[in-house]
């Protein structure tokens, strides 16, 4: 787990995306596909990294994804992101996905993961991050 404080029941980071899970995103058993969640984790990390990079970014890797609970249709999903580390051009972004049950009775972590993204220029080549974000290790 990325968050070693399992007793901490609150999301870590800033809210980057939020929307309900819909029926078109389910498998034949009515649960949301894990790959669909990973796609949106990548989007949330890209929103966060794009702000840091002040522009275009690309995903390099997705790791440490652990699914903790199934997601049902109508669940409100909230994607929280935080910067774990920055380098000259790269950013490690932790993403946590939290769910609010359709009836509003439960708020729980669904999954988390660690994504590495790099700043790129208009030609798709790696470029440096703005100086203020290099090696902050946030």
N, C-alpha and C. Protein backbone atom coordinates (compact mmCIF):
# COMPACT_ATOMS: atom_id res chain seq x y z
N UNK A 1 0.84 -1.18 0.00
CA UNK A 1 0.00 0.00 0.00
C UNK A 1 0.89 1.25 0.00
N UNK A 2 0.48 2.25 -0.72
CA UNK A 2 1.24 3.49 -0.75
C UNK A 2 1.12 4.25 0.55
N UNK A 3 -0.04 4.19 1.15
CA UNK A 3 -0.28 4.91 2.40
C UNK A 3 -0.09 3.94 3.56
N UNK A 4 1.02 4.05 4.28
CA UNK A 4 1.31 3.11 5.35
C UNK A 4 0.39 3.30 6.55
N UNK A 5 -0.32 4.39 6.59
CA UNK A 5 -1.25 4.66 7.69
C UNK A 5 -2.62 4.09 7.35
N UNK A 6 -2.78 2.76 7.46
CA UNK A 6 -4.06 2.14 7.13
C UNK A 6 -5.17 2.61 8.05
N UNK A 7 -4.83 3.10 9.23
CA UNK A 7 -5.85 3.57 10.15
C UNK A 7 -6.40 4.94 9.75
N UNK A 8 -5.75 5.62 8.81
CA UNK A 8 -6.19 6.92 8.34
C UNK A 8 -7.29 6.74 7.31
N UNK A 9 -8.54 7.06 7.66
CA UNK A 9 -9.66 6.79 6.75
C UNK A 9 -9.93 7.89 5.73
N UNK A 10 -9.05 8.85 5.61
CA UNK A 10 -9.31 9.97 4.70
C UNK A 10 -8.39 9.92 3.49
N UNK A 11 -8.88 10.43 2.35
CA UNK A 11 -8.04 10.47 1.14
C UNK A 11 -6.82 11.35 1.35
N UNK A 12 -5.73 10.98 0.67
CA UNK A 12 -4.51 11.76 0.68
C UNK A 12 -4.39 12.46 -0.67
N UNK A 13 -4.13 13.76 -0.67
CA UNK A 13 -3.94 14.49 -1.91
C UNK A 13 -5.10 15.42 -2.22
N UNK A 14 -5.12 15.87 -3.50
CA UNK A 14 -6.16 16.81 -3.93
C UNK A 14 -7.11 16.10 -4.89
N UNK A 15 -8.36 16.52 -4.86
CA UNK A 15 -9.37 15.95 -5.74
C UNK A 15 -9.07 16.40 -7.17
N UNK A 16 -8.84 15.43 -8.07
CA UNK A 16 -8.53 15.75 -9.47
C UNK A 16 -9.65 15.38 -10.43
N UNK A 17 -10.44 14.37 -10.10
CA UNK A 17 -11.59 13.94 -10.91
C UNK A 17 -12.69 13.43 -10.00
N UNK A 18 -13.94 13.55 -10.48
CA UNK A 18 -15.05 12.99 -9.71
C UNK A 18 -16.25 12.77 -10.64
N UNK A 19 -16.83 11.57 -10.60
CA UNK A 19 -18.01 11.28 -11.39
C UNK A 19 -18.58 9.92 -10.96
N UNK A 20 -19.85 9.64 -11.31
CA UNK A 20 -20.45 8.36 -10.95
C UNK A 20 -20.08 7.27 -11.95
N UNK A 21 -20.02 6.04 -11.47
CA UNK A 21 -19.81 4.88 -12.33
C UNK A 21 -21.14 4.56 -13.02
N UNK A 22 -21.08 4.28 -14.32
CA UNK A 22 -22.32 4.01 -15.05
C UNK A 22 -22.38 2.58 -15.56
N UNK A 23 -23.54 2.18 -15.97
CA UNK A 23 -23.77 0.80 -16.41
C UNK A 23 -22.93 0.42 -17.62
N UNK A 24 -22.57 1.39 -18.45
CA UNK A 24 -21.76 1.09 -19.63
C UNK A 24 -20.32 0.72 -19.27
N UNK A 25 -19.93 0.88 -18.01
CA UNK A 25 -18.56 0.61 -17.56
C UNK A 25 -18.44 -0.71 -16.79
N UNK A 26 -19.47 -1.57 -16.87
CA UNK A 26 -19.48 -2.79 -16.06
C UNK A 26 -19.16 -4.04 -16.86
N UNK A 27 -18.74 -5.06 -16.11
CA UNK A 27 -18.59 -6.39 -16.69
C UNK A 27 -19.95 -7.10 -16.63
N UNK A 28 -20.00 -8.35 -17.02
CA UNK A 28 -21.28 -9.07 -17.07
C UNK A 28 -21.88 -9.35 -15.69
N UNK A 29 -21.13 -9.11 -14.63
CA UNK A 29 -21.63 -9.30 -13.28
C UNK A 29 -22.12 -8.01 -12.63
N UNK A 30 -21.99 -6.89 -13.36
CA UNK A 30 -22.47 -5.62 -12.84
C UNK A 30 -21.45 -4.82 -12.05
N UNK A 31 -20.21 -5.29 -12.03
CA UNK A 31 -19.14 -4.55 -11.36
C UNK A 31 -18.35 -3.76 -12.39
N UNK A 32 -17.76 -2.64 -11.95
CA UNK A 32 -16.96 -1.80 -12.84
C UNK A 32 -15.65 -2.51 -13.17
N UNK A 33 -15.24 -2.46 -14.43
CA UNK A 33 -13.99 -3.06 -14.87
C UNK A 33 -12.79 -2.40 -14.18
N UNK A 34 -11.81 -3.21 -13.75
CA UNK A 34 -10.58 -2.68 -13.16
C UNK A 34 -9.81 -1.81 -14.15
N UNK A 35 -9.78 -2.22 -15.41
CA UNK A 35 -9.09 -1.44 -16.44
C UNK A 35 -9.72 -0.07 -16.65
N UNK A 36 -11.03 0.01 -16.49
CA UNK A 36 -11.73 1.29 -16.60
C UNK A 36 -11.28 2.22 -15.48
N UNK A 37 -11.13 1.66 -14.26
CA UNK A 37 -10.64 2.46 -13.14
C UNK A 37 -9.20 2.93 -13.39
N UNK A 38 -8.35 2.05 -13.91
CA UNK A 38 -6.96 2.41 -14.19
C UNK A 38 -6.90 3.52 -15.24
N UNK A 39 -7.75 3.44 -16.26
CA UNK A 39 -7.81 4.49 -17.28
C UNK A 39 -8.07 5.86 -16.64
N UNK A 40 -9.01 5.90 -15.71
CA UNK A 40 -9.34 7.17 -15.06
C UNK A 40 -8.30 7.58 -14.02
N UNK A 41 -7.59 6.61 -13.44
CA UNK A 41 -6.47 6.95 -12.57
C UNK A 41 -5.39 7.64 -13.39
N UNK A 42 -5.16 7.14 -14.60
CA UNK A 42 -4.18 7.76 -15.50
C UNK A 42 -4.61 9.18 -15.87
N UNK A 43 -5.90 9.37 -16.12
CA UNK A 43 -6.41 10.71 -16.42
C UNK A 43 -6.21 11.65 -15.25
N UNK A 44 -6.53 11.19 -14.04
CA UNK A 44 -6.36 12.02 -12.84
C UNK A 44 -4.90 12.39 -12.64
N UNK A 45 -3.99 11.42 -12.82
CA UNK A 45 -2.56 11.71 -12.69
C UNK A 45 -2.11 12.70 -13.76
N UNK A 46 -2.67 12.59 -14.96
CA UNK A 46 -2.31 13.51 -16.05
C UNK A 46 -2.79 14.93 -15.74
N UNK A 47 -3.97 15.07 -15.14
CA UNK A 47 -4.46 16.40 -14.74
C UNK A 47 -3.48 17.02 -13.74
N UNK A 48 -3.09 16.24 -12.75
CA UNK A 48 -2.16 16.71 -11.71
C UNK A 48 -0.79 17.04 -12.32
N UNK A 49 -0.25 16.11 -13.11
CA UNK A 49 1.08 16.30 -13.69
C UNK A 49 1.10 17.45 -14.69
N UNK A 50 0.02 17.63 -15.44
CA UNK A 50 -0.06 18.72 -16.40
C UNK A 50 0.06 20.07 -15.74
N UNK A 51 -0.52 20.17 -14.54
CA UNK A 51 -0.39 21.42 -13.77
C UNK A 51 1.06 21.65 -13.36
N UNK A 52 1.73 20.59 -12.93
CA UNK A 52 3.13 20.73 -12.53
C UNK A 52 4.03 21.05 -13.71
N UNK A 53 3.76 20.39 -14.83
CA UNK A 53 4.62 20.53 -16.01
C UNK A 53 4.30 21.79 -16.81
N UNK A 54 3.18 22.41 -16.51
CA UNK A 54 2.72 23.57 -17.30
C UNK A 54 2.60 23.21 -18.77
N UNK A 55 2.07 22.03 -19.04
CA UNK A 55 1.91 21.64 -20.43
C UNK A 55 1.79 20.15 -20.62
N UNK A 56 2.15 19.74 -21.78
CA UNK A 56 1.99 18.36 -22.24
C UNK A 56 2.82 17.39 -21.41
N UNK A 57 2.23 16.22 -21.16
CA UNK A 57 2.90 15.17 -20.39
C UNK A 57 2.60 13.81 -21.03
N UNK A 58 3.34 12.81 -20.63
CA UNK A 58 3.09 11.44 -21.08
C UNK A 58 3.30 10.49 -19.91
N UNK A 59 2.49 9.44 -19.85
CA UNK A 59 2.62 8.42 -18.82
C UNK A 59 3.74 7.46 -19.20
N UNK A 60 4.63 7.19 -18.24
CA UNK A 60 5.74 6.27 -18.44
C UNK A 60 5.43 4.91 -17.84
N UNK A 61 4.85 4.91 -16.62
CA UNK A 61 4.55 3.64 -15.97
C UNK A 61 3.39 3.79 -14.98
N UNK A 62 2.74 2.66 -14.76
CA UNK A 62 1.68 2.56 -13.75
C UNK A 62 2.03 1.34 -12.91
N UNK A 63 2.15 1.52 -11.61
CA UNK A 63 2.52 0.39 -10.75
C UNK A 63 1.79 0.47 -9.42
N UNK A 64 1.96 -0.58 -8.66
CA UNK A 64 1.42 -0.66 -7.30
C UNK A 64 -0.08 -0.46 -7.25
N UNK A 65 -0.79 -0.90 -8.30
CA UNK A 65 -2.25 -0.81 -8.29
C UNK A 65 -2.79 -2.01 -7.53
N UNK A 66 -3.60 -1.71 -6.55
CA UNK A 66 -4.20 -2.75 -5.71
C UNK A 66 -5.68 -2.45 -5.58
N UNK A 67 -6.53 -3.38 -6.02
CA UNK A 67 -7.98 -3.21 -5.92
C UNK A 67 -8.45 -3.75 -4.59
N UNK A 68 -9.14 -2.90 -3.84
CA UNK A 68 -9.55 -3.25 -2.48
C UNK A 68 -11.02 -3.64 -2.37
N UNK A 69 -11.84 -3.20 -3.31
CA UNK A 69 -13.28 -3.42 -3.21
C UNK A 69 -13.91 -3.26 -4.58
N UNK A 70 -14.95 -4.06 -4.89
CA UNK A 70 -15.64 -3.86 -6.17
C UNK A 70 -16.44 -2.55 -6.17
N UNK A 71 -16.72 -2.06 -7.38
CA UNK A 71 -17.47 -0.82 -7.54
C UNK A 71 -18.76 -1.14 -8.27
N UNK A 72 -19.87 -0.67 -7.74
CA UNK A 72 -21.18 -0.89 -8.34
C UNK A 72 -21.62 0.34 -9.12
N UNK A 73 -22.53 0.14 -10.05
CA UNK A 73 -23.12 1.24 -10.81
C UNK A 73 -23.74 2.25 -9.85
N UNK A 74 -23.53 3.53 -10.15
CA UNK A 74 -24.08 4.61 -9.33
C UNK A 74 -23.16 5.10 -8.24
N UNK A 75 -22.07 4.38 -8.01
CA UNK A 75 -21.10 4.80 -7.00
C UNK A 75 -20.40 6.08 -7.47
N UNK A 76 -20.33 7.07 -6.61
CA UNK A 76 -19.61 8.30 -6.93
C UNK A 76 -18.13 8.07 -6.66
N UNK A 77 -17.32 8.17 -7.71
CA UNK A 77 -15.89 7.93 -7.59
C UNK A 77 -15.14 9.25 -7.52
N UNK A 78 -14.21 9.33 -6.59
CA UNK A 78 -13.37 10.52 -6.41
C UNK A 78 -11.92 10.09 -6.53
N UNK A 79 -11.18 10.77 -7.40
CA UNK A 79 -9.79 10.44 -7.70
C UNK A 79 -8.90 11.52 -7.08
N UNK A 80 -8.13 11.13 -6.07
CA UNK A 80 -7.25 12.06 -5.35
C UNK A 80 -5.81 11.82 -5.79
N UNK A 81 -5.08 12.90 -6.02
CA UNK A 81 -3.70 12.79 -6.49
C UNK A 81 -2.76 13.60 -5.61
N UNK A 82 -1.52 13.10 -5.52
CA UNK A 82 -0.50 13.86 -4.81
C UNK A 82 0.86 13.55 -5.43
N UNK A 83 1.73 14.56 -5.41
CA UNK A 83 3.08 14.40 -5.93
C UNK A 83 3.91 13.67 -4.89
N UNK A 84 4.52 12.58 -5.30
CA UNK A 84 5.39 11.81 -4.41
C UNK A 84 6.84 12.26 -4.58
N UNK A 85 7.22 12.51 -5.85
CA UNK A 85 8.60 12.91 -6.15
C UNK A 85 8.64 13.58 -7.52
N UNK A 86 9.56 14.52 -7.68
CA UNK A 86 9.80 15.10 -8.99
C UNK A 86 11.29 15.00 -9.30
N UNK A 87 11.59 14.90 -10.59
CA UNK A 87 12.96 14.90 -11.06
C UNK A 87 13.14 16.04 -12.04
N UNK A 88 14.11 15.90 -12.93
CA UNK A 88 14.34 16.96 -13.91
C UNK A 88 13.16 17.09 -14.88
N UNK A 89 12.62 15.96 -15.30
CA UNK A 89 11.48 15.98 -16.23
C UNK A 89 10.34 15.06 -15.80
N UNK A 90 10.57 14.24 -14.81
CA UNK A 90 9.58 13.24 -14.41
C UNK A 90 8.87 13.60 -13.10
N UNK A 91 7.71 12.98 -12.93
CA UNK A 91 6.90 13.18 -11.73
C UNK A 91 6.32 11.83 -11.31
N UNK A 92 6.44 11.49 -10.03
CA UNK A 92 5.76 10.31 -9.49
C UNK A 92 4.50 10.83 -8.81
N UNK A 93 3.36 10.33 -9.28
CA UNK A 93 2.07 10.78 -8.77
C UNK A 93 1.33 9.60 -8.16
N UNK A 94 0.96 9.71 -6.90
CA UNK A 94 0.12 8.71 -6.26
C UNK A 94 -1.34 9.07 -6.53
N UNK A 95 -2.13 8.06 -6.86
CA UNK A 95 -3.56 8.25 -7.10
C UNK A 95 -4.33 7.31 -6.18
N UNK A 96 -5.29 7.86 -5.47
CA UNK A 96 -6.22 7.08 -4.66
C UNK A 96 -7.62 7.27 -5.22
N UNK A 97 -8.36 6.17 -5.32
CA UNK A 97 -9.75 6.25 -5.76
C UNK A 97 -10.63 5.90 -4.57
N UNK A 98 -11.53 6.83 -4.25
CA UNK A 98 -12.46 6.65 -3.15
C UNK A 98 -13.88 6.61 -3.69
N UNK A 99 -14.75 5.89 -3.00
CA UNK A 99 -16.11 5.69 -3.48
C UNK A 99 -17.13 6.11 -2.43
N UNK A 100 -18.15 6.80 -2.88
CA UNK A 100 -19.32 7.12 -2.05
C UNK A 100 -20.45 6.25 -2.58
N UNK A 101 -20.98 5.37 -1.73
CA UNK A 101 -22.06 4.48 -2.15
C UNK A 101 -23.25 5.29 -2.65
N UNK A 102 -24.03 4.71 -3.58
CA UNK A 102 -25.19 5.42 -4.11
C UNK A 102 -26.16 5.92 -3.04
N UNK A 103 -26.27 5.18 -1.94
CA UNK A 103 -27.19 5.62 -0.88
C UNK A 103 -26.52 6.58 0.11
N UNK A 104 -25.23 6.89 -0.12
CA UNK A 104 -24.52 7.85 0.72
C UNK A 104 -24.07 7.33 2.06
N UNK A 105 -24.19 6.03 2.31
CA UNK A 105 -23.88 5.49 3.63
C UNK A 105 -22.42 5.19 3.88
N UNK A 106 -21.64 5.03 2.82
CA UNK A 106 -20.25 4.61 3.02
C UNK A 106 -19.31 5.36 2.08
N UNK A 107 -18.16 5.74 2.61
CA UNK A 107 -17.08 6.36 1.84
C UNK A 107 -15.85 5.51 2.10
N UNK A 108 -15.33 4.87 1.05
CA UNK A 108 -14.22 3.93 1.24
C UNK A 108 -13.23 4.01 0.08
N UNK A 109 -12.00 3.58 0.37
CA UNK A 109 -10.97 3.53 -0.67
C UNK A 109 -11.23 2.29 -1.54
N UNK A 110 -11.16 2.50 -2.86
CA UNK A 110 -11.39 1.42 -3.82
C UNK A 110 -10.08 0.86 -4.34
N UNK A 111 -9.16 1.76 -4.69
CA UNK A 111 -7.87 1.35 -5.22
C UNK A 111 -6.88 2.49 -5.07
N UNK A 112 -5.64 2.18 -5.31
CA UNK A 112 -4.58 3.19 -5.32
C UNK A 112 -3.49 2.71 -6.26
N UNK A 113 -2.65 3.62 -6.69
CA UNK A 113 -1.56 3.27 -7.57
C UNK A 113 -0.53 4.37 -7.64
N UNK A 114 0.59 4.06 -8.25
CA UNK A 114 1.67 5.02 -8.41
C UNK A 114 1.97 5.13 -9.91
N UNK A 115 1.93 6.35 -10.42
CA UNK A 115 2.17 6.59 -11.84
C UNK A 115 3.37 7.50 -12.01
N UNK A 116 4.16 7.23 -13.03
CA UNK A 116 5.28 8.09 -13.39
C UNK A 116 4.94 8.73 -14.72
N UNK A 117 5.04 10.05 -14.77
CA UNK A 117 4.77 10.81 -15.98
C UNK A 117 5.95 11.72 -16.25
N UNK A 118 6.15 12.08 -17.52
CA UNK A 118 7.22 13.00 -17.90
C UNK A 118 6.64 14.17 -18.68
N UNK A 119 7.30 15.31 -18.55
CA UNK A 119 6.95 16.48 -19.33
C UNK A 119 7.51 16.28 -20.74
N UNK A 120 6.70 16.60 -21.76
CA UNK A 120 7.16 16.49 -23.13
C UNK A 120 6.83 17.78 -23.89
N UNK A 121 7.58 18.00 -24.96
CA UNK A 121 7.35 19.19 -25.78
C UNK A 121 6.37 18.86 -26.91
N UNK A 122 6.13 19.80 -27.78
CA UNK A 122 5.17 19.62 -28.87
C UNK A 122 5.56 18.52 -29.86
N UNK A 123 6.84 18.20 -29.91
CA UNK A 123 7.31 17.13 -30.79
C UNK A 123 7.30 15.77 -30.10
N UNK A 124 6.90 15.75 -28.84
CA UNK A 124 6.86 14.49 -28.08
C UNK A 124 8.16 14.11 -27.43
N UNK A 125 9.12 15.03 -27.36
CA UNK A 125 10.40 14.77 -26.72
C UNK A 125 10.36 15.22 -25.26
N UNK A 126 11.09 14.50 -24.43
CA UNK A 126 11.14 14.86 -23.01
C UNK A 126 11.74 16.25 -22.85
N UNK A 127 11.14 17.02 -21.96
CA UNK A 127 11.62 18.38 -21.67
C UNK A 127 11.69 18.55 -20.15
N UNK A 128 12.44 19.52 -19.68
CA UNK A 128 12.53 19.74 -18.23
C UNK A 128 11.22 20.30 -17.66
N UNK A 129 10.99 19.97 -16.41
CA UNK A 129 9.89 20.60 -15.68
C UNK A 129 10.26 22.05 -15.38
N UNK A 130 9.27 22.89 -15.13
CA UNK A 130 9.61 24.24 -14.65
C UNK A 130 10.51 24.11 -13.42
N UNK A 131 11.51 24.94 -13.32
CA UNK A 131 12.53 24.85 -12.27
C UNK A 131 11.94 24.73 -10.87
N UNK A 132 10.87 25.42 -10.59
CA UNK A 132 10.28 25.39 -9.25
C UNK A 132 9.85 24.00 -8.81
N UNK A 133 9.54 23.08 -9.77
CA UNK A 133 9.09 21.74 -9.41
C UNK A 133 10.17 20.69 -9.45
N UNK A 134 11.34 20.99 -9.96
CA UNK A 134 12.40 20.00 -10.06
C UNK A 134 12.91 19.63 -8.67
N UNK A 135 12.95 18.34 -8.44
CA UNK A 135 13.53 17.76 -7.23
C UNK A 135 12.92 18.29 -5.92
N UNK A 136 11.63 18.56 -5.95
CA UNK A 136 10.97 18.97 -4.71
C UNK A 136 10.71 17.78 -3.81
N UNK A 137 10.51 16.62 -4.42
CA UNK A 137 10.23 15.43 -3.63
C UNK A 137 8.92 15.53 -2.86
N UNK A 138 7.98 16.31 -3.40
CA UNK A 138 6.70 16.47 -2.69
C UNK A 138 5.84 15.27 -2.84
